[in-house]
């Protein structure tokens, strides 16, 4: 059951990366995606903790998978419908906050 109504920055970033990666969303790929997109180093432990919290709130679900020809088992994450709804609501809130600020940046 999704109980969160607001995401922290790390959770927001992790949820967006998982949504972007789709079926390839596992911790290592999410860490790489965040590093590439934000230009910042991201601690795998921070991603792991955020994913665990997101799963506890029903915003992502996970399953264990092995890829063909690979002996490793990975936990793969999928953004749930409540997770997608929360991302959309968060995007709307941010867009409303940014609305009308463009003239401020042009004047400087």
PDB file of N, CA and C in Angstrom:
ATOM      1  N   UNK A   1       0.839  -1.176   0.000  1.00  0.00           N
ATOM      2  CA  UNK A   1       0.000   0.000   0.000  1.00  0.00           C
ATOM      3  C   UNK A   1       0.885   1.241   0.000  1.00  0.00           C
ATOM      4  N   UNK A   2       0.644   2.146  -0.914  1.00  0.00           N
ATOM      5  CA  UNK A   2       1.429   3.373  -1.013  1.00  0.00           C
ATOM      6  C   UNK A   2       0.987   4.350   0.064  1.00  0.00           C
ATOM      7  N   UNK A   3       1.905   4.648   0.977  1.00  0.00           N
ATOM      8  CA  UNK A   3       1.574   5.567   2.056  1.00  0.00           C
ATOM      9  C   UNK A   3       2.298   6.893   1.902  1.00  0.00           C
ATOM     10  N   UNK A   4       3.299   6.960   1.063  1.00  0.00           N
ATOM     11  CA  UNK A   4       4.047   8.199   0.869  1.00  0.00           C
ATOM     12  C   UNK A   4       3.282   9.123  -0.064  1.00  0.00           C
ATOM     13  N   UNK A   5       3.320  10.403   0.247  1.00  0.00           N
ATOM     14  CA  UNK A   5       2.704  11.384  -0.642  1.00  0.00           C
ATOM     15  C   UNK A   5       3.740  12.358  -1.171  1.00  0.00           C
ATOM     16  N   UNK A   6       4.934  12.357  -0.566  1.00  0.00           N
ATOM     17  CA  UNK A   6       6.018  13.230  -0.987  1.00  0.00           C
ATOM     18  C   UNK A   6       7.305  12.412  -0.967  1.00  0.00           C
ATOM     19  N   UNK A   7       8.134  12.637  -1.974  1.00  0.00           N
ATOM     20  CA  UNK A   7       9.403  11.917  -2.074  1.00  0.00           C
ATOM     21  C   UNK A   7      10.562  12.805  -1.652  1.00  0.00           C
ATOM     22  N   UNK A   8      11.526  12.205  -0.960  1.00  0.00           N
ATOM     23  CA  UNK A   8      12.781  12.890  -0.721  1.00  0.00           C
ATOM     24  C   UNK A   8      13.574  12.927  -2.018  1.00  0.00           C
ATOM     25  N   UNK A   9      14.613  13.730  -2.078  1.00  0.00           N
ATOM     26  CA  UNK A   9      15.368  13.883  -3.323  1.00  0.00           C
ATOM     27  C   UNK A   9      15.954  12.565  -3.813  1.00  0.00           C
ATOM     28  N   UNK A  10      16.590  11.812  -2.937  1.00  0.00           N
ATOM     29  CA  UNK A  10      17.197  10.550  -3.370  1.00  0.00           C
ATOM     30  C   UNK A  10      16.136   9.574  -3.834  1.00  0.00           C
ATOM     31  N   UNK A  11      15.054   9.450  -3.084  1.00  0.00           N
ATOM     32  CA  UNK A  11      13.968   8.557  -3.500  1.00  0.00           C
ATOM     33  C   UNK A  11      13.395   8.988  -4.849  1.00  0.00           C
ATOM     34  N   UNK A  12      13.230  10.279  -5.020  1.00  0.00           N
ATOM     35  CA  UNK A  12      12.706  10.809  -6.281  1.00  0.00           C
ATOM     36  C   UNK A  12      13.630  10.425  -7.437  1.00  0.00           C
ATOM     37  N   UNK A  13      14.914  10.667  -7.265  1.00  0.00           N
ATOM     38  CA  UNK A  13      15.881  10.343  -8.315  1.00  0.00           C
ATOM     39  C   UNK A  13      15.891   8.848  -8.612  1.00  0.00           C
ATOM     40  N   UNK A  14      15.898   8.026  -7.566  1.00  0.00           N
ATOM     41  CA  UNK A  14      15.925   6.572  -7.752  1.00  0.00           C
ATOM     42  C   UNK A  14      14.658   6.098  -8.458  1.00  0.00           C
ATOM     43  N   UNK A  15      13.524   6.627  -8.066  1.00  0.00           N
ATOM     44  CA  UNK A  15      12.265   6.222  -8.703  1.00  0.00           C
ATOM     45  C   UNK A  15      12.239   6.637 -10.170  1.00  0.00           C
ATOM     46  N   UNK A  16      12.730   7.823 -10.477  1.00  0.00           N
ATOM     47  CA  UNK A  16      12.806   8.264 -11.874  1.00  0.00           C
ATOM     48  C   UNK A  16      13.745   7.377 -12.684  1.00  0.00           C
ATOM     49  N   UNK A  17      14.902   7.048 -12.112  1.00  0.00           N
ATOM     50  CA  UNK A  17      15.858   6.182 -12.820  1.00  0.00           C
ATOM     51  C   UNK A  17      15.256   4.806 -13.058  1.00  0.00           C
ATOM     52  N   UNK A  18      14.569   4.261 -12.067  1.00  0.00           N
ATOM     53  CA  UNK A  18      13.941   2.946 -12.229  1.00  0.00           C
ATOM     54  C   UNK A  18      12.873   2.997 -13.318  1.00  0.00           C
ATOM     55  N   UNK A  19      12.110   4.075 -13.357  1.00  0.00           N
ATOM     56  CA  UNK A  19      11.091   4.220 -14.395  1.00  0.00           C
ATOM     57  C   UNK A  19      11.743   4.295 -15.775  1.00  0.00           C
ATOM     58  N   UNK A  20      12.837   5.032 -15.872  1.00  0.00           N
ATOM     59  CA  UNK A  20      13.538   5.186 -17.148  1.00  0.00           C
ATOM     60  C   UNK A  20      14.129   3.855 -17.625  1.00  0.00           C
ATOM     61  N   UNK A  21      14.682   3.082 -16.704  1.00  0.00           N
ATOM     62  CA  UNK A  21      15.346   1.832 -17.067  1.00  0.00           C
ATOM     63  C   UNK A  21      14.377   0.699 -17.359  1.00  0.00           C
ATOM     64  N   UNK A  22      13.170   0.803 -16.843  1.00  0.00           N
ATOM     65  CA  UNK A  22      12.180  -0.247 -17.091  1.00  0.00           C
ATOM     66  C   UNK A  22      12.655  -1.597 -16.609  1.00  0.00           C
ATOM     67  N   UNK A  23      12.610  -2.612 -17.473  1.00  0.00           N
ATOM     68  CA  UNK A  23      12.957  -3.965 -17.033  1.00  0.00           C
ATOM     69  C   UNK A  23      14.439  -4.146 -16.674  1.00  0.00           C
ATOM     70  N   UNK A  24      15.275  -3.188 -16.997  1.00  0.00           N
ATOM     71  CA  UNK A  24      16.699  -3.281 -16.647  1.00  0.00           C
ATOM     72  C   UNK A  24      17.020  -2.596 -15.325  1.00  0.00           C
ATOM     73  N   UNK A  25      16.015  -2.268 -14.543  1.00  0.00           N
ATOM     74  CA  UNK A  25      16.230  -1.515 -13.308  1.00  0.00           C
ATOM     75  C   UNK A  25      16.682  -2.445 -12.179  1.00  0.00           C
ATOM     76  N   UNK A  26      17.972  -2.447 -11.941  1.00  0.00           N
ATOM     77  CA  UNK A  26      18.516  -3.094 -10.752  1.00  0.00           C
ATOM     78  C   UNK A  26      19.527  -2.124 -10.158  1.00  0.00           C
ATOM     79  N   UNK A  27      19.966  -2.371  -8.956  1.00  0.00           N
ATOM     80  CA  UNK A  27      20.737  -1.392  -8.206  1.00  0.00           C
ATOM     81  C   UNK A  27      21.932  -0.845  -8.981  1.00  0.00           C
ATOM     82  N   UNK A  28      22.733  -1.708  -9.583  1.00  0.00           N
ATOM     83  CA  UNK A  28      23.938  -1.262 -10.292  1.00  0.00           C
ATOM     84  C   UNK A  28      23.569  -0.352 -11.465  1.00  0.00           C
ATOM     85  N   UNK A  29      22.561  -0.743 -12.234  1.00  0.00           N
ATOM     86  CA  UNK A  29      22.135   0.080 -13.375  1.00  0.00           C
ATOM     87  C   UNK A  29      21.570   1.418 -12.909  1.00  0.00           C
ATOM     88  N   UNK A  30      20.836   1.417 -11.807  1.00  0.00           N
ATOM     89  CA  UNK A  30      20.277   2.660 -11.280  1.00  0.00           C
ATOM     90  C   UNK A  30      21.396   3.596 -10.833  1.00  0.00           C
ATOM     91  N   UNK A  31      22.401   3.053 -10.155  1.00  0.00           N
ATOM     92  CA  UNK A  31      23.553   3.867  -9.725  1.00  0.00           C
ATOM     93  C   UNK A  31      24.227   4.499 -10.941  1.00  0.00           C
ATOM     94  N   UNK A  32      24.459   3.709 -11.977  1.00  0.00           N
ATOM     95  CA  UNK A  32      25.089   4.235 -13.207  1.00  0.00           C
ATOM     96  C   UNK A  32      24.227   5.304 -13.864  1.00  0.00           C
ATOM     97  N   UNK A  33      22.941   5.035 -13.969  1.00  0.00           N
ATOM     98  CA  UNK A  33      22.007   5.980 -14.603  1.00  0.00           C
ATOM     99  C   UNK A  33      22.008   7.311 -13.858  1.00  0.00           C
ATOM    100  N   UNK A  34      21.948   7.246 -12.547  1.00  0.00           N
ATOM    101  CA  UNK A  34      21.954   8.478 -11.754  1.00  0.00           C
ATOM    102  C   UNK A  34      23.264   9.232 -11.915  1.00  0.00           C
ATOM    103  N   UNK A  35      24.375   8.524 -11.925  1.00  0.00           N
ATOM    104  CA  UNK A  35      25.666   9.174 -12.116  1.00  0.00           C
ATOM    105  C   UNK A  35      25.758   9.865 -13.463  1.00  0.00           C
ATOM    106  N   UNK A  36      25.297   9.183 -14.510  1.00  0.00           N
ATOM    107  CA  UNK A  36      25.348   9.759 -15.854  1.00  0.00           C
ATOM    108  C   UNK A  36      24.417  10.960 -15.995  1.00  0.00           C
ATOM    109  N   UNK A  37      23.227  10.853 -15.453  1.00  0.00           N
ATOM    110  CA  UNK A  37      22.229  11.916 -15.635  1.00  0.00           C
ATOM    111  C   UNK A  37      22.451  13.116 -14.724  1.00  0.00           C
ATOM    112  N   UNK A  38      22.975  12.890 -13.517  1.00  0.00           N
ATOM    113  CA  UNK A  38      23.142  14.000 -12.578  1.00  0.00           C
ATOM    114  C   UNK A  38      24.563  14.536 -12.538  1.00  0.00           C
ATOM    115  N   UNK A  39      25.518  13.749 -13.039  1.00  0.00           N
ATOM    116  CA  UNK A  39      26.908  14.164 -12.978  1.00  0.00           C
ATOM    117  C   UNK A  39      27.488  14.079 -11.574  1.00  0.00           C
ATOM    118  N   UNK A  40      26.815  13.362 -10.697  1.00  0.00           N
ATOM    119  CA  UNK A  40      27.274  13.220  -9.323  1.00  0.00           C
ATOM    120  C   UNK A  40      27.554  11.757  -9.018  1.00  0.00           C
ATOM    121  N   UNK A  41      28.502  11.527  -8.115  1.00  0.00           N
ATOM    122  CA  UNK A  41      28.728  10.169  -7.636  1.00  0.00           C
ATOM    123  C   UNK A  41      27.570   9.778  -6.726  1.00  0.00           C
ATOM    124  N   UNK A  42      27.082   8.580  -6.920  1.00  0.00           N
ATOM    125  CA  UNK A  42      25.959   8.100  -6.132  1.00  0.00           C
ATOM    126  C   UNK A  42      26.399   6.838  -5.407  1.00  0.00           C
ATOM    127  N   UNK A  43      26.202   6.804  -4.121  1.00  0.00           N
ATOM    128  CA  UNK A  43      26.579   5.636  -3.324  1.00  0.00           C
ATOM    129  C   UNK A  43      25.580   4.506  -3.546  1.00  0.00           C
ATOM    130  N   UNK A  44      26.066   3.326  -3.913  1.00  0.00           N
ATOM    131  CA  UNK A  44      25.150   2.194  -4.082  1.00  0.00           C
ATOM    132  C   UNK A  44      24.310   1.932  -2.832  1.00  0.00           C
ATOM    133  N   UNK A  45      24.879   2.143  -1.653  1.00  0.00           N
ATOM    134  CA  UNK A  45      24.123   1.922  -0.418  1.00  0.00           C
ATOM    135  C   UNK A  45      22.924   2.864  -0.331  1.00  0.00           C
ATOM    136  N   UNK A  46      23.091   4.100  -0.772  1.00  0.00           N
ATOM    137  CA  UNK A  46      21.983   5.063  -0.743  1.00  0.00           C
ATOM    138  C   UNK A  46      20.866   4.617  -1.676  1.00  0.00           C
ATOM    139  N   UNK A  47      21.239   4.082  -2.836  1.00  0.00           N
ATOM    140  CA  UNK A  47      20.243   3.591  -3.791  1.00  0.00           C
ATOM    141  C   UNK A  47      19.536   2.374  -3.211  1.00  0.00           C
ATOM    142  N   UNK A  48      20.295   1.467  -2.611  1.00  0.00           N
ATOM    143  CA  UNK A  48      19.718   0.270  -2.017  1.00  0.00           C
ATOM    144  C   UNK A  48      18.711   0.645  -0.930  1.00  0.00           C
ATOM    145  N   UNK A  49      19.080   1.575  -0.062  1.00  0.00           N
ATOM    146  CA  UNK A  49      18.189   2.009   1.025  1.00  0.00           C
ATOM    147  C   UNK A  49      16.930   2.668   0.465  1.00  0.00           C
ATOM    148  N   UNK A  50      17.101   3.525  -0.547  1.00  0.00           N
ATOM    149  CA  UNK A  50      15.941   4.186  -1.159  1.00  0.00           C
ATOM    150  C   UNK A  50      15.013   3.156  -1.796  1.00  0.00           C
ATOM    151  N   UNK A  51      15.579   2.178  -2.494  1.00  0.00           N
ATOM    152  CA  UNK A  51      14.749   1.138  -3.116  1.00  0.00           C
ATOM    153  C   UNK A  51      13.981   0.342  -2.066  1.00  0.00           C
ATOM    154  N   UNK A  52      14.638   0.036  -0.974  1.00  0.00           N
ATOM    155  CA  UNK A  52      13.965  -0.707   0.103  1.00  0.00           C
ATOM    156  C   UNK A  52      12.783   0.102   0.654  1.00  0.00           C
ATOM    157  N   UNK A  53      13.006   1.408   0.893  1.00  0.00           N
ATOM    158  CA  UNK A  53      11.918   2.262   1.396  1.00  0.00           C
ATOM    159  C   UNK A  53      10.794   2.375   0.373  1.00  0.00           C
ATOM    160  N   UNK A  54      11.160   2.561  -0.895  1.00  0.00           N
ATOM    161  CA  UNK A  54      10.146   2.669  -1.946  1.00  0.00           C
ATOM    162  C   UNK A  54       9.320   1.387  -2.039  1.00  0.00           C
ATOM    163  N   UNK A  55       9.979   0.251  -1.871  1.00  0.00           N
ATOM    164  CA  UNK A  55       9.260  -1.026  -1.924  1.00  0.00           C
ATOM    165  C   UNK A  55       8.351  -1.186  -0.698  1.00  0.00           C
ATOM    166  N   UNK A  56       8.825  -0.760   0.461  1.00  0.00           N
ATOM    167  CA  UNK A  56       7.995  -0.831   1.669  1.00  0.00           C
ATOM    168  C   UNK A  56       6.708  -0.020   1.514  1.00  0.00           C
ATOM    169  N   UNK A  57       6.773   1.043   0.734  1.00  0.00           N
ATOM    170  CA  UNK A  57       5.608   1.902   0.518  1.00  0.00           C
ATOM    171  C   UNK A  57       4.818   1.517  -0.735  1.00  0.00           C
ATOM    172  N   UNK A  58       5.209   0.442  -1.401  1.00  0.00           N
ATOM    173  CA  UNK A  58       4.463  -0.034  -2.557  1.00  0.00           C
ATOM    174  C   UNK A  58       4.678   0.774  -3.822  1.00  0.00           C
ATOM    175  N   UNK A  59       5.757   1.559  -3.868  1.00  0.00           N
ATOM    176  CA  UNK A  59       6.019   2.391  -5.043  1.00  0.00           C
ATOM    177  C   UNK A  59       6.853   1.666  -6.093  1.00  0.00           C
ATOM    178  N   UNK A  60       7.569   0.642  -5.667  1.00  0.00           N
ATOM    179  CA  UNK A  60       8.254  -0.277  -6.576  1.00  0.00           C
ATOM    180  C   UNK A  60       8.002  -1.688  -6.053  1.00  0.00           C
ATOM    181  N   UNK A  61       8.175  -2.655  -6.928  1.00  0.00           N
ATOM    182  CA  UNK A  61       8.162  -4.057  -6.505  1.00  0.00           C
ATOM    183  C   UNK A  61       9.402  -4.701  -7.110  1.00  0.00           C
ATOM    184  N   UNK A  62       9.851  -5.745  -6.469  1.00  0.00           N
ATOM    185  CA  UNK A  62      11.072  -6.385  -6.951  1.00  0.00           C
ATOM    186  C   UNK A  62      10.858  -7.880  -7.129  1.00  0.00           C
ATOM    187  N   UNK A  63      11.760  -8.443  -7.892  1.00  0.00           N
ATOM    188  CA  UNK A  63      11.792  -9.896  -8.070  1.00  0.00           C
ATOM    189  C   UNK A  63      13.228 -10.282  -8.358  1.00  0.00           C
ATOM    190  N   UNK A  64      13.552 -11.505  -8.036  1.00  0.00           N
ATOM    191  CA  UNK A  64      14.897 -12.003  -8.276  1.00  0.00           C
ATOM    192  C   UNK A  64      14.940 -12.606  -9.680  1.00  0.00           C
ATOM    193  N   UNK A  65      15.961 -12.236 -10.450  1.00  0.00           N
ATOM    194  CA  UNK A  65      16.088 -12.739 -11.817  1.00  0.00           C
ATOM    195  C   UNK A  65      17.537 -13.113 -12.098  1.00  0.00           C
ATOM    196  N   UNK A  66      17.701 -14.038 -13.015  1.00  0.00           N
ATOM    197  CA  UNK A  66      19.022 -14.341 -13.565  1.00  0.00           C
ATOM    198  C   UNK A  66      18.937 -14.080 -15.055  1.00  0.00           C
ATOM    199  N   UNK A  67      19.988 -13.508 -15.598  1.00  0.00           N
ATOM    200  CA  UNK A  67      19.999 -13.269 -17.036  1.00  0.00           C
ATOM    201  C   UNK A  67      20.617 -14.475 -17.722  1.00  0.00           C
ATOM    202  N   UNK A  68      20.204 -14.697 -18.931  1.00  0.00           N
ATOM    203  CA  UNK A  68      20.680 -15.848 -19.680  1.00  0.00           C
ATOM    204  C   UNK A  68      22.198 -15.806 -19.813  1.00  0.00           C
ATOM    205  N   UNK A  69      22.849 -16.909 -19.515  1.00  0.00           N
ATOM    206  CA  UNK A  69      24.300 -16.992 -19.612  1.00  0.00           C
ATOM    207  C   UNK A  69      25.039 -16.337 -18.451  1.00  0.00           C
ATOM    208  N   UNK A  70      24.310 -15.885 -17.456  1.00  0.00           N
ATOM    209  CA  UNK A  70      24.926 -15.228 -16.306  1.00  0.00           C
ATOM    210  C   UNK A  70      24.518 -15.988 -15.057  1.00  0.00           C
ATOM    211  N   UNK A  71      25.454 -16.276 -14.202  1.00  0.00           N
ATOM    212  CA  UNK A  71      25.165 -17.053 -12.996  1.00  0.00           C
ATOM    213  C   UNK A  71      24.664 -16.199 -11.842  1.00  0.00           C
ATOM    214  N   UNK A  72      24.789 -14.881 -11.978  1.00  0.00           N
ATOM    215  CA  UNK A  72      24.389 -14.002 -10.873  1.00  0.00           C
ATOM    216  C   UNK A  72      22.872 -13.822 -10.816  1.00  0.00           C
ATOM    217  N   UNK A  73      22.381 -13.726  -9.597  1.00  0.00           N
ATOM    218  CA  UNK A  73      20.975 -13.425  -9.371  1.00  0.00           C
ATOM    219  C   UNK A  73      20.908 -11.964  -8.953  1.00  0.00           C
ATOM    220  N   UNK A  74      20.022 -11.219  -9.585  1.00  0.00           N
ATOM    221  CA  UNK A  74      19.863  -9.792  -9.275  1.00  0.00           C
ATOM    222  C   UNK A  74      18.428  -9.511  -8.870  1.00  0.00           C
ATOM    223  N   UNK A  75      18.289  -8.511  -8.021  1.00  0.00           N
ATOM    224  CA  UNK A  75      16.951  -8.036  -7.673  1.00  0.00           C
ATOM    225  C   UNK A  75      16.585  -6.954  -8.675  1.00  0.00           C
ATOM    226  N   UNK A  76      15.532  -7.213  -9.420  1.00  0.00           N
ATOM    227  CA  UNK A  76      15.073  -6.294 -10.460  1.00  0.00           C
ATOM    228  C   UNK A  76      13.860  -5.535  -9.923  1.00  0.00           C
ATOM    229  N   UNK A  77      13.809  -4.231 -10.215  1.00  0.00           N
ATOM    230  CA  UNK A  77      12.755  -3.380  -9.684  1.00  0.00           C
ATOM    231  C   UNK A  77      11.851  -2.869 -10.793  1.00  0.00           C
ATOM    232  N   UNK A  78      10.591  -2.744 -10.448  1.00  0.00           N
ATOM    233  CA  UNK A  78       9.597  -2.205 -11.376  1.00  0.00           C
ATOM    234  C   UNK A  78       8.784  -1.153 -10.630  1.00  0.00           C
ATOM    235  N   UNK A  79       8.584  -0.006 -11.264  1.00  0.00           N
ATOM    236  CA  UNK A  79       7.769   1.054 -10.668  1.00  0.00           C
ATOM    237  C   UNK A  79       6.311   0.633 -10.776  1.00  0.00           C
ATOM    238  N   UNK A  80       5.607   0.687  -9.662  1.00  0.00           N
ATOM    239  CA  UNK A  80       4.198   0.290  -9.625  1.00  0.00           C
ATOM    240  C   UNK A  80       3.305   1.456 -10.060  1.00  0.00           C
ATOM    241  N   UNK A  81       2.023   1.169 -10.230  1.00  0.00           N
ATOM    242  CA  UNK A  81       1.066   2.226 -10.588  1.00  0.00           C
ATOM    243  C   UNK A  81       1.049   3.338  -9.535  1.00  0.00           C
ATOM    244  N   UNK A  82       1.033   3.021  -8.229  1.00  0.00           N
ATOM    245  CA  UNK A  82       1.111   4.113  -7.248  1.00  0.00           C
ATOM    246  C   UNK A  82       2.417   4.909  -7.360  1.00  0.00           C
ATOM    247  N   UNK A  83       3.502   4.248  -7.706  1.00  0.00           N
ATOM    248  CA  UNK A  83       4.770   4.948  -7.897  1.00  0.00           C
ATOM    249  C   UNK A  83       4.708   5.909  -9.068  1.00  0.00           C
ATOM    250  N   UNK A  84       4.080   5.477 -10.158  1.00  0.00           N
ATOM    251  CA  UNK A  84       3.928   6.349 -11.326  1.00  0.00           C
ATOM    252  C   UNK A  84       3.023   7.537 -11.000  1.00  0.00           C
ATOM    253  N   UNK A  85       1.952   7.279 -10.245  1.00  0.00           N
ATOM    254  CA  UNK A  85       1.058   8.379  -9.856  1.00  0.00           C
ATOM    255  C   UNK A  85       1.792   9.398  -8.983  1.00  0.00           C
ATOM    256  N   UNK A  86       2.600   8.911  -8.053  1.00  0.00           N
ATOM    257  CA  UNK A  86       3.337   9.822  -7.183  1.00  0.00           C
ATOM    258  C   UNK A  86       4.364  10.625  -7.978  1.00  0.00           C
ATOM    259  N   UNK A  87       5.010  10.002  -8.955  1.00  0.00           N
ATOM    260  CA  UNK A  87       5.946  10.742  -9.809  1.00  0.00           C
ATOM    261  C   UNK A  87       5.227  11.833 -10.593  1.00  0.00           C
ATOM    262  N   UNK A  88       4.059  11.511 -11.140  1.00  0.00           N
ATOM    263  CA  UNK A  88       3.298  12.519 -11.888  1.00  0.00           C
ATOM    264  C   UNK A  88       2.895  13.683 -10.991  1.00  0.00           C
ATOM    265  N   UNK A  89       2.423  13.368  -9.789  1.00  0.00           N
ATOM    266  CA  UNK A  89       2.012  14.422  -8.851  1.00  0.00           C
ATOM    267  C   UNK A  89       3.213  15.280  -8.455  1.00  0.00           C
ATOM    268  N   UNK A  90       4.346  14.648  -8.246  1.00  0.00           N
ATOM    269  CA  UNK A  90       5.561  15.377  -7.885  1.00  0.00           C
ATOM    270  C   UNK A  90       5.993  16.291  -9.022  1.00  0.00           C
ATOM    271  N   UNK A  91       5.905  15.786 -10.248  1.00  0.00           N
ATOM    272  CA  UNK A  91       6.258  16.596 -11.414  1.00  0.00           C
ATOM    273  C   UNK A  91       5.358  17.824 -11.513  1.00  0.00           C
ATOM    274  N   UNK A  92       4.075  17.625 -11.305  1.00  0.00           N
ATOM    275  CA  UNK A  92       3.125  18.740 -11.361  1.00  0.00           C
ATOM    276  C   UNK A  92       3.443  19.791 -10.302  1.00  0.00           C
ATOM    277  N   UNK A  93       3.757  19.350  -9.084  1.00  0.00           N
ATOM    278  CA  UNK A  93       4.102  20.301  -8.017  1.00  0.00           C
ATOM    279  C   UNK A  93       5.343  21.099  -8.392  1.00  0.00           C
ATOM    280  N   UNK A  94       6.362  20.409  -8.926  1.00  0.00           N
ATOM    281  CA  UNK A  94       7.594  21.105  -9.309  1.00  0.00           C
ATOM    282  C   UNK A  94       7.356  22.078 -10.457  1.00  0.00           C
ATOM    283  N   UNK A  95       6.567  21.679 -11.443  1.00  0.00           N
ATOM    284  CA  UNK A  95       6.282  22.585 -12.556  1.00  0.00           C
ATOM    285  C   UNK A  95       5.547  23.831 -12.084  1.00  0.00           C
ATOM    286  N   UNK A  96       4.630  23.670 -11.134  1.00  0.00           N
ATOM    287  CA  UNK A  96       3.916  24.827 -10.583  1.00  0.00           C
ATOM    288  C   UNK A  96       4.875  25.756  -9.845  1.00  0.00           C
ATOM    289  N   UNK A  97       5.841  25.172  -9.157  1.00  0.00           N
ATOM    290  CA  UNK A  97       6.827  26.001  -8.462  1.00  0.00           C
ATOM    291  C   UNK A  97       7.719  26.752  -9.437  1.00  0.00           C
ATOM    292  N   UNK A  98       8.046  26.133 -10.556  1.00  0.00           N
ATOM    293  CA  UNK A  98       8.905  26.774 -11.562  1.00  0.00           C
ATOM    294  C   UNK A  98       8.138  27.779 -12.412  1.00  0.00           C
ATOM    295  N   UNK A  99       6.835  27.629 -12.492  1.00  0.00           N
ATOM    296  CA  UNK A  99       6.018  28.487 -13.345  1.00  0.00           C
ATOM    297  C   UNK A  99       6.233  29.969 -13.003  1.00  0.00           C
ATOM    298  N   UNK A 100       6.562  30.737 -14.016  1.00  0.00           N
ATOM    299  CA  UNK A 100       6.736  32.177 -13.862  1.00  0.00           C
ATOM    300  C   UNK A 100       8.128  32.622 -13.445  1.00  0.00           C
ATOM    301  N   UNK A 101       9.038  31.689 -13.241  1.00  0.00           N
ATOM    302  CA  UNK A 101      10.383  32.068 -12.804  1.00  0.00           C
ATOM    303  C   UNK A 101      11.340  32.384 -13.950  1.00  0.00           C
ATOM    304  N   UNK A 102      10.991  32.069 -15.165  1.00  0.00           N
ATOM    305  CA  UNK A 102      11.883  32.321 -16.297  1.00  0.00           C
ATOM    306  C   UNK A 102      12.345  33.774 -16.393  1.00  0.00           C
ATOM    307  N   UNK A 103      11.485  34.756 -16.196  1.00  0.00           N
ATOM    308  CA  UNK A 103      11.959  36.147 -16.263  1.00  0.00           C
ATOM    309  C   UNK A 103      13.039  36.475 -15.223  1.00  0.00           C
ATOM    310  N   UNK A 104      12.996  35.821 -14.099  1.00  0.00           N
ATOM    311  CA  UNK A 104      14.025  36.047 -13.076  1.00  0.00           C
ATOM    312  C   UNK A 104      15.408  35.637 -13.581  1.00  0.00           C
ATOM    313  N   UNK A 105      15.478  34.549 -14.312  1.00  0.00           N
ATOM    314  CA  UNK A 105      16.775  34.057 -14.799  1.00  0.00           C
ATOM    315  C   UNK A 105      17.273  34.907 -15.968  1.00  0.00           C
ATOM    316  N   UNK A 106      16.365  35.422 -16.783  1.00  0.00           N
ATOM    317  CA  UNK A 106      16.759  36.230 -17.937  1.00  0.00           C
ATOM    318  C   UNK A 106      17.245  37.606 -17.513  1.00  0.00           C
ATOM    319  N   UNK A 107      16.744  38.108 -16.407  1.00  0.00           N
ATOM    320  CA  UNK A 107      17.104  39.456 -15.955  1.00  0.00           C
ATOM    321  C   UNK A 107      18.494  39.506 -15.325  1.00  0.00           C
ATOM    322  N   UNK A 108      19.047  38.390 -14.970  1.00  0.00           N
ATOM    323  CA  UNK A 108      20.341  38.392 -14.274  1.00  0.00           C
ATOM    324  C   UNK A 108      21.487  38.319 -15.197  1.00  0.00           C
TER     325      UNK A 108
END
